Amino acid sequence: MNIKKIGLTALAGSMVALSAVAGELSVSGGMNITHSSVSGSVDAGQSASGIGVENAVFASGSTELDNGYVVSLTQGINNSTSTYLSVDMGDLGSLSYVQTDAGGGLEALDDMTPSAYEEVNQSVASTAVEFLVTSGFAYSNTFGGATVGLTYSDGGSTAAVGDGIIDTGVSTNSSTSIGITYPVADTGLKLFGGVGTMGQADGIDHDVEIMGATYAMGPVSVGYQVNTLEEAGQSDDETTIAGIAFNINENMAISYGIQDTDDGSATDEEGSGFSVSYTMGALALKAFNNKVDNSGHSAGATSEATEFSLSVAF
């Protein structure tokens, strides 16, 4: 009995020690059912219509260190490559590492125009200028009212392993960016912009610049921006995006956007899209219809996509 008592006492002591440093752990998730269809001349190789189901379950934990820093981890339970680790350092900003999509920086600004659901180039064949990276580090902080975001990606694999080995054939060219967002007092006007470099498999970097603004007044929001891509020896690609959104009430919103991409050729690619959303607590009904004329800067080529979505979060 003495041995058993000592064992239980030691176990109790261990539990007390663990509880002293334990953080919080929670589980969240969601499900999304969509019906999608395509009908453009360049979409012939895709399924005409279909129903798709997506689901995601995440475990999230956080703990506060002795110096006040808060360390958080989010891990996709049904997707091992979805890992998000962050350290909130208070006035020193926030540093994070994301396994599959670094986000932040210039990537967060690739389309800031208001939309009730998806961007105008979603699910269509478009050459619109975007800034896309894989796994990497992101840092953000606020200075004088402006939010500054920095990103770095080594272009490596998103495999959920800790050895950092890159598969043969995967680009290891790094990508870096900086993005700045500045709300102008309480006017409803927000200015944003940034620059970045995307490493490419052929070793020729793509330089991207983004500048734009959004304005909100009551239930109406508008936005305008220009994305420019520069590549050595090639004409610049320039995408102009404009959008307007209207909140009909606290549950329903509609939006319309246009997108024009000029690659220096005689034919501009022109896109447009309409979105609508209706939310009821954790349940959301959404839809969009996007269309591109002169897809790929080929006169007469079209790409059109329509999607209806039912999602629930838990």
Protein backbone atom coordinates (compact mmCIF):
# COMPACT_ATOMS: atom_id res chain seq x y z
CA MET A 1 0.00 0.00 0.00
CA ASN A 2 2.86 2.34 0.72
CA ILE A 3 4.32 1.78 -2.73
CA LYS A 4 0.93 2.45 -4.35
CA LYS A 5 0.44 5.56 -2.28
CA ILE A 6 3.86 6.91 -3.24
CA GLY A 7 3.12 6.22 -6.90
CA LEU A 8 -0.17 8.11 -6.79
CA THR A 9 1.43 11.00 -4.96
CA ALA A 10 4.15 11.27 -7.60
CA LEU A 11 1.54 11.14 -10.36
CA ALA A 12 -0.52 13.85 -8.70
CA GLY A 13 2.56 16.03 -8.41
CA SER A 14 3.30 15.55 -12.08
CA MET A 15 -0.25 16.54 -13.02
CA VAL A 16 0.02 19.71 -10.94
CA ALA A 17 3.30 20.59 -12.67
CA LEU A 18 1.75 20.05 -16.09
CA SER A 19 -1.36 22.09 -15.28
CA ALA A 20 0.85 24.99 -14.26
CA VAL A 21 2.11 25.38 -17.83
CA ALA A 22 -0.81 23.94 -19.76
CA GLY A 23 -2.48 26.07 -22.42
CA GLU A 24 -5.89 25.86 -24.03
CA LEU A 25 -6.89 23.31 -26.66
CA SER A 26 -9.98 23.51 -28.87
CA VAL A 27 -11.36 21.72 -31.92
CA SER A 28 -13.21 23.45 -34.76
CA GLY A 29 -14.24 22.56 -38.26
CA GLY A 30 -16.58 23.05 -41.13
CA MET A 31 -18.20 21.51 -44.17
CA ASN A 32 -18.83 22.98 -47.60
CA ILE A 33 -21.07 21.52 -50.31
CA THR A 34 -20.85 23.10 -53.76
CA HIS A 35 -22.41 22.68 -57.16
CA SER A 36 -20.15 23.98 -59.92
CA SER A 37 -20.52 24.29 -63.68
CA VAL A 38 -18.36 25.66 -66.50
CA SER A 39 -19.44 26.70 -69.97
CA GLY A 40 -16.69 28.67 -71.70
CA SER A 41 -14.99 27.68 -74.94
CA VAL A 42 -11.70 26.99 -73.12
CA ASP A 43 -13.41 24.91 -70.42
CA ALA A 44 -14.27 21.98 -72.69
CA GLY A 45 -11.84 19.66 -70.92
CA GLN A 46 -13.56 20.12 -67.56
CA SER A 47 -16.67 18.46 -66.21
CA ALA A 48 -19.81 20.32 -67.30
CA SER A 49 -21.26 20.25 -63.80
CA GLY A 50 -20.79 18.46 -60.51
CA ILE A 51 -21.33 18.37 -56.77
CA GLY A 52 -18.35 18.56 -54.46
CA VAL A 53 -17.96 18.22 -50.71
CA GLU A 54 -15.12 19.66 -48.64
CA ASN A 55 -14.58 19.28 -44.91
CA ALA A 56 -11.95 20.38 -42.47
CA VAL A 57 -11.29 19.70 -38.79
CA PHE A 58 -8.66 21.67 -36.88
CA ALA A 59 -7.14 21.34 -33.42
CA SER A 60 -5.87 24.62 -31.98
CA GLY A 61 -3.85 25.22 -28.86
CA SER A 62 -2.18 28.22 -27.23
CA THR A 63 -0.16 29.03 -24.15
CA GLU A 64 1.31 32.18 -22.61
CA LEU A 65 5.01 32.26 -21.76
CA ASP A 66 6.53 33.94 -18.72
CA ASN A 67 7.48 37.00 -20.78
CA GLY A 68 3.91 37.49 -21.97
CA TYR A 69 4.39 36.06 -25.47
CA VAL A 70 1.53 33.84 -26.66
CA VAL A 71 2.45 30.75 -28.71
CA SER A 72 -0.34 29.22 -30.80
CA LEU A 73 -0.55 26.12 -32.97
CA THR A 74 -3.31 25.09 -35.36
CA GLN A 75 -3.13 21.64 -36.96
CA GLY A 76 -5.46 20.18 -39.56
CA ILE A 77 -6.61 16.84 -38.21
CA ASN A 78 -7.83 15.50 -41.56
CA ASN A 79 -5.05 17.28 -43.51
CA SER A 80 -1.59 16.85 -42.00
CA THR A 81 -0.05 19.54 -44.23
CA SER A 82 -2.24 22.27 -42.71
CA THR A 83 -0.03 23.55 -39.91
CA TYR A 84 0.02 27.09 -38.53
CA LEU A 85 2.43 28.14 -35.78
CA SER A 86 2.51 31.70 -34.46
CA VAL A 87 4.13 33.73 -31.71
CA ASP A 88 2.36 36.92 -30.61
CA MET A 89 5.06 39.17 -29.16
CA GLY A 90 2.82 42.07 -28.19
CA ASP A 91 4.30 45.44 -29.25
CA LEU A 92 7.02 43.58 -31.18
CA GLY A 93 4.45 42.13 -33.57
CA SER A 94 3.49 38.61 -34.59
CA LEU A 95 5.68 35.97 -36.25
CA SER A 96 4.18 32.86 -37.86
CA TYR A 97 5.04 29.84 -39.97
CA VAL A 98 2.43 28.29 -42.27
CA GLN A 99 2.86 24.86 -43.83
CA THR A 100 0.82 25.29 -47.00
CA ASP A 101 0.12 28.98 -47.65
CA ALA A 102 2.22 31.70 -46.05
CA GLY A 103 -0.36 34.41 -46.72
CA GLY A 104 0.22 37.91 -45.39
CA GLY A 105 2.56 40.39 -47.05
CA LEU A 106 1.75 41.00 -50.70
CA GLU A 107 -0.30 37.82 -51.05
CA ALA A 108 -2.93 39.28 -48.72
CA LEU A 109 -3.32 42.24 -51.10
CA ASP A 110 -3.69 40.44 -54.45
CA ASP A 111 -7.42 41.32 -54.52
CA MET A 112 -8.68 43.68 -51.82
CA THR A 113 -11.77 44.82 -53.72
CA PRO A 114 -14.99 44.04 -51.83
CA SER A 115 -16.82 40.84 -52.70
CA ALA A 116 -19.76 38.95 -51.23
CA TYR A 117 -18.11 35.60 -52.02
CA GLU A 118 -15.17 34.88 -54.34
CA GLU A 119 -12.76 36.92 -56.45
CA VAL A 120 -13.63 37.64 -60.09
CA ASN A 121 -10.99 35.20 -61.40
CA GLN A 122 -12.11 32.27 -59.22
CA SER A 123 -12.57 28.99 -61.19
CA VAL A 124 -12.03 30.61 -64.61
CA ALA A 125 -9.04 30.52 -66.98
CA SER A 126 -7.42 33.86 -66.21
CA THR A 127 -3.94 35.37 -66.46
CA ALA A 128 -4.64 38.01 -63.79
CA VAL A 129 -1.54 39.09 -61.87
CA GLU A 130 -1.40 37.52 -58.40
CA PHE A 131 1.29 36.98 -55.77
CA LEU A 132 1.31 33.33 -54.72
CA VAL A 133 3.74 31.51 -52.43
CA THR A 134 3.90 28.13 -50.71
CA SER A 135 4.94 27.46 -47.13
CA GLY A 136 6.88 30.15 -45.33
CA PHE A 137 7.26 32.73 -42.60
CA ALA A 138 5.12 35.82 -42.09
CA TYR A 139 5.61 38.80 -39.78
CA SER A 140 3.13 41.59 -39.07
CA ASN A 141 3.03 44.66 -36.88
CA THR A 142 1.36 48.06 -36.67
CA PHE A 143 3.26 51.34 -36.88
CA GLY A 144 1.49 54.69 -36.65
CA GLY A 145 -1.82 53.15 -37.67
CA ALA A 146 -0.36 51.29 -40.67
CA THR A 147 -0.25 47.49 -40.69
CA VAL A 148 2.97 46.13 -42.19
CA GLY A 149 3.31 42.51 -43.31
CA LEU A 150 6.48 40.72 -44.40
CA THR A 151 6.70 37.22 -45.90
CA TYR A 152 9.46 34.82 -46.83
CA SER A 153 9.12 31.46 -48.54
CA ASP A 154 11.94 29.15 -49.59
CA GLY A 155 9.72 27.60 -52.26
CA GLY A 156 10.10 24.21 -50.64
CA SER A 157 7.89 21.21 -50.20
CA THR A 158 4.72 21.33 -48.09
CA ALA A 159 5.22 17.73 -46.94
CA ALA A 160 4.37 17.19 -43.29
CA VAL A 161 7.83 16.02 -42.31
CA GLY A 162 10.45 17.69 -40.18
CA ASP A 163 13.60 16.96 -42.16
CA GLY A 164 13.22 19.85 -44.62
CA ILE A 165 14.21 17.66 -47.60
CA ILE A 166 12.97 19.01 -50.93
CA ASP A 167 11.72 16.57 -53.57
CA THR A 168 13.67 16.59 -56.84
CA GLY A 169 12.10 18.95 -59.35
CA VAL A 170 10.49 21.24 -56.79
CA SER A 171 11.61 24.85 -57.10
CA THR A 172 13.73 26.08 -54.20
CA ASN A 173 13.78 29.69 -55.40
CA SER A 174 12.73 31.95 -52.55
CA SER A 175 9.92 34.51 -52.54
CA THR A 176 9.80 37.67 -50.43
CA SER A 177 7.29 40.48 -50.08
CA ILE A 178 6.15 43.47 -48.03
CA GLY A 179 2.60 44.79 -47.89
CA ILE A 180 1.28 47.89 -46.13
CA THR A 181 -2.34 48.75 -45.29
CA TYR A 182 -3.26 52.17 -43.93
CA PRO A 183 -6.79 53.18 -42.81
CA VAL A 184 -7.15 56.96 -43.15
CA ALA A 185 -8.56 57.95 -39.75
CA ASP A 186 -12.30 57.25 -39.56
CA THR A 187 -13.07 58.29 -43.13
CA GLY A 188 -13.77 54.78 -44.41
CA LEU A 189 -10.85 55.10 -46.83
CA LYS A 190 -8.12 52.45 -46.75
CA LEU A 191 -4.91 52.67 -48.79
CA PHE A 192 -2.71 49.66 -49.49
CA GLY A 193 0.28 48.63 -51.53
CA GLY A 194 3.45 46.59 -51.61
CA VAL A 195 6.19 44.92 -53.59
CA GLY A 196 7.47 41.37 -53.81
CA THR A 197 9.58 38.88 -55.74
CA MET A 198 8.38 35.38 -56.65
CA GLY A 199 11.08 32.81 -57.36
CA GLN A 200 10.43 30.65 -60.42
CA ALA A 201 11.53 27.15 -61.41
CA ASP A 202 13.36 28.57 -64.45
CA GLY A 203 15.42 30.85 -62.21
CA ILE A 204 13.86 34.04 -63.62
CA ASP A 205 12.21 35.97 -60.79
CA HIS A 206 8.87 37.71 -61.17
CA ASP A 207 8.65 41.15 -59.54
CA VAL A 208 5.14 42.18 -58.45
CA GLU A 209 3.82 45.58 -57.39
CA ILE A 210 0.34 46.27 -56.01
CA MET A 211 -1.32 49.61 -55.29
CA GLY A 212 -4.95 50.34 -54.47
CA ALA A 213 -7.64 51.69 -52.20
CA THR A 214 -11.02 50.75 -50.77
CA TYR A 215 -13.77 53.00 -49.43
CA ALA A 216 -16.74 52.09 -47.26
CA MET A 217 -19.74 54.31 -46.59
CA GLY A 218 -22.66 52.78 -44.78
CA PRO A 219 -23.73 49.56 -46.52
CA VAL A 220 -21.73 50.30 -49.69
CA SER A 221 -18.05 49.42 -50.26
CA VAL A 222 -15.96 50.09 -53.36
CA GLY A 223 -12.40 49.20 -54.31
CA TYR A 224 -9.83 49.76 -57.04
CA GLN A 225 -6.31 48.44 -57.50
CA VAL A 226 -3.56 47.78 -60.04
CA ASN A 227 -1.33 44.68 -59.94
CA THR A 228 1.84 44.77 -62.07
CA LEU A 229 4.19 41.89 -62.86
CA GLU A 230 7.66 42.46 -64.29
CA GLU A 231 9.81 39.74 -65.84
CA ALA A 232 13.22 40.28 -67.43
CA GLY A 233 13.01 40.37 -71.21
CA GLN A 234 9.19 40.41 -71.26
CA SER A 235 6.51 43.07 -71.45
CA ASP A 236 4.93 43.96 -68.11
CA ASP A 237 1.60 42.34 -67.22
CA GLU A 238 -0.88 44.76 -65.62
CA THR A 239 -4.18 43.77 -64.03
CA THR A 240 -6.72 46.44 -63.10
CA ILE A 241 -9.43 45.38 -60.63
CA ALA A 242 -12.55 47.28 -59.51
CA GLY A 243 -15.45 46.13 -57.39
CA ILE A 244 -18.52 47.25 -55.49
CA ALA A 245 -20.42 45.46 -52.71
CA PHE A 246 -23.72 46.26 -51.01
CA ASN A 247 -24.90 44.89 -47.66
CA ILE A 248 -28.66 44.57 -48.10
CA ASN A 249 -28.99 43.78 -44.40
CA GLU A 250 -26.87 42.18 -41.68
CA ASN A 251 -27.32 38.76 -43.31
CA MET A 252 -27.27 39.34 -47.06
CA ALA A 253 -24.73 40.96 -49.40
CA ILE A 254 -24.24 41.26 -53.16
CA SER A 255 -21.23 42.37 -55.20
CA TYR A 256 -20.00 42.97 -58.74
CA GLY A 257 -16.43 43.20 -59.97
CA ILE A 258 -14.45 43.68 -63.17
CA GLN A 259 -10.89 42.73 -64.05
CA ASP A 260 -8.79 43.72 -67.05
CA THR A 261 -5.33 42.28 -67.79
CA ASP A 262 -2.96 43.83 -70.33
CA ASP A 263 0.13 41.78 -71.25
CA GLY A 264 1.38 44.12 -73.96
CA SER A 265 -0.34 42.24 -76.77
CA ALA A 266 -3.14 43.59 -78.95
CA THR A 267 -5.82 41.71 -76.98
CA ASP A 268 -6.68 42.45 -73.36
CA GLU A 269 -8.22 39.77 -71.17
CA GLU A 270 -11.48 41.04 -69.66
CA GLY A 271 -13.21 39.47 -66.67
CA SER A 272 -16.33 40.18 -64.65
CA GLY A 273 -18.15 38.50 -61.80
CA PHE A 274 -21.25 38.65 -59.62
CA SER A 275 -21.46 37.25 -56.08
CA VAL A 276 -24.16 36.92 -53.46
CA SER A 277 -24.14 35.60 -49.88
CA TYR A 278 -26.67 34.96 -47.13
CA THR A 279 -25.69 33.88 -43.62
CA MET A 280 -27.75 32.45 -40.78
CA GLY A 281 -25.43 32.04 -37.83
CA ALA A 282 -22.99 29.23 -38.66
CA LEU A 283 -24.81 28.43 -41.92
CA ALA A 284 -23.99 30.29 -45.14
CA LEU A 285 -25.48 30.19 -48.63
CA LYS A 286 -23.30 31.72 -51.35
CA ALA A 287 -23.04 31.85 -55.13
CA PHE A 288 -20.96 33.43 -57.88
CA ASN A 289 -20.89 33.69 -61.66
CA ASN A 290 -17.54 34.67 -63.20
CA LYS A 291 -16.73 35.14 -66.87
CA VAL A 292 -13.56 35.94 -68.84
CA ASP A 293 -13.54 37.18 -72.43
CA ASN A 294 -10.40 36.83 -74.55
CA SER A 295 -9.09 34.25 -72.09
CA GLY A 296 -5.32 33.90 -72.30
CA HIS A 297 -5.34 37.02 -74.54
CA SER A 298 -6.81 34.93 -77.35
CA ALA A 299 -9.55 36.84 -79.19
CA GLY A 300 -12.96 35.19 -78.82
CA ALA A 301 -11.88 32.65 -76.19
CA THR A 302 -14.19 32.54 -73.17
CA SER A 303 -14.18 30.94 -69.73
CA GLU A 304 -17.24 30.98 -67.49
CA ALA A 305 -17.91 29.37 -64.11
CA THR A 306 -20.92 29.28 -61.78
CA GLU A 307 -20.92 27.95 -58.24
CA PHE A 308 -23.51 27.52 -55.50
CA SER A 309 -22.26 26.83 -51.99
CA LEU A 310 -23.76 25.65 -48.71
CA SER A 311 -21.37 25.74 -45.77
CA VAL A 312 -21.61 25.25 -42.03
CA ALA A 313 -19.03 25.89 -39.33
CA PHE A 314 -18.90 24.12 -35.98
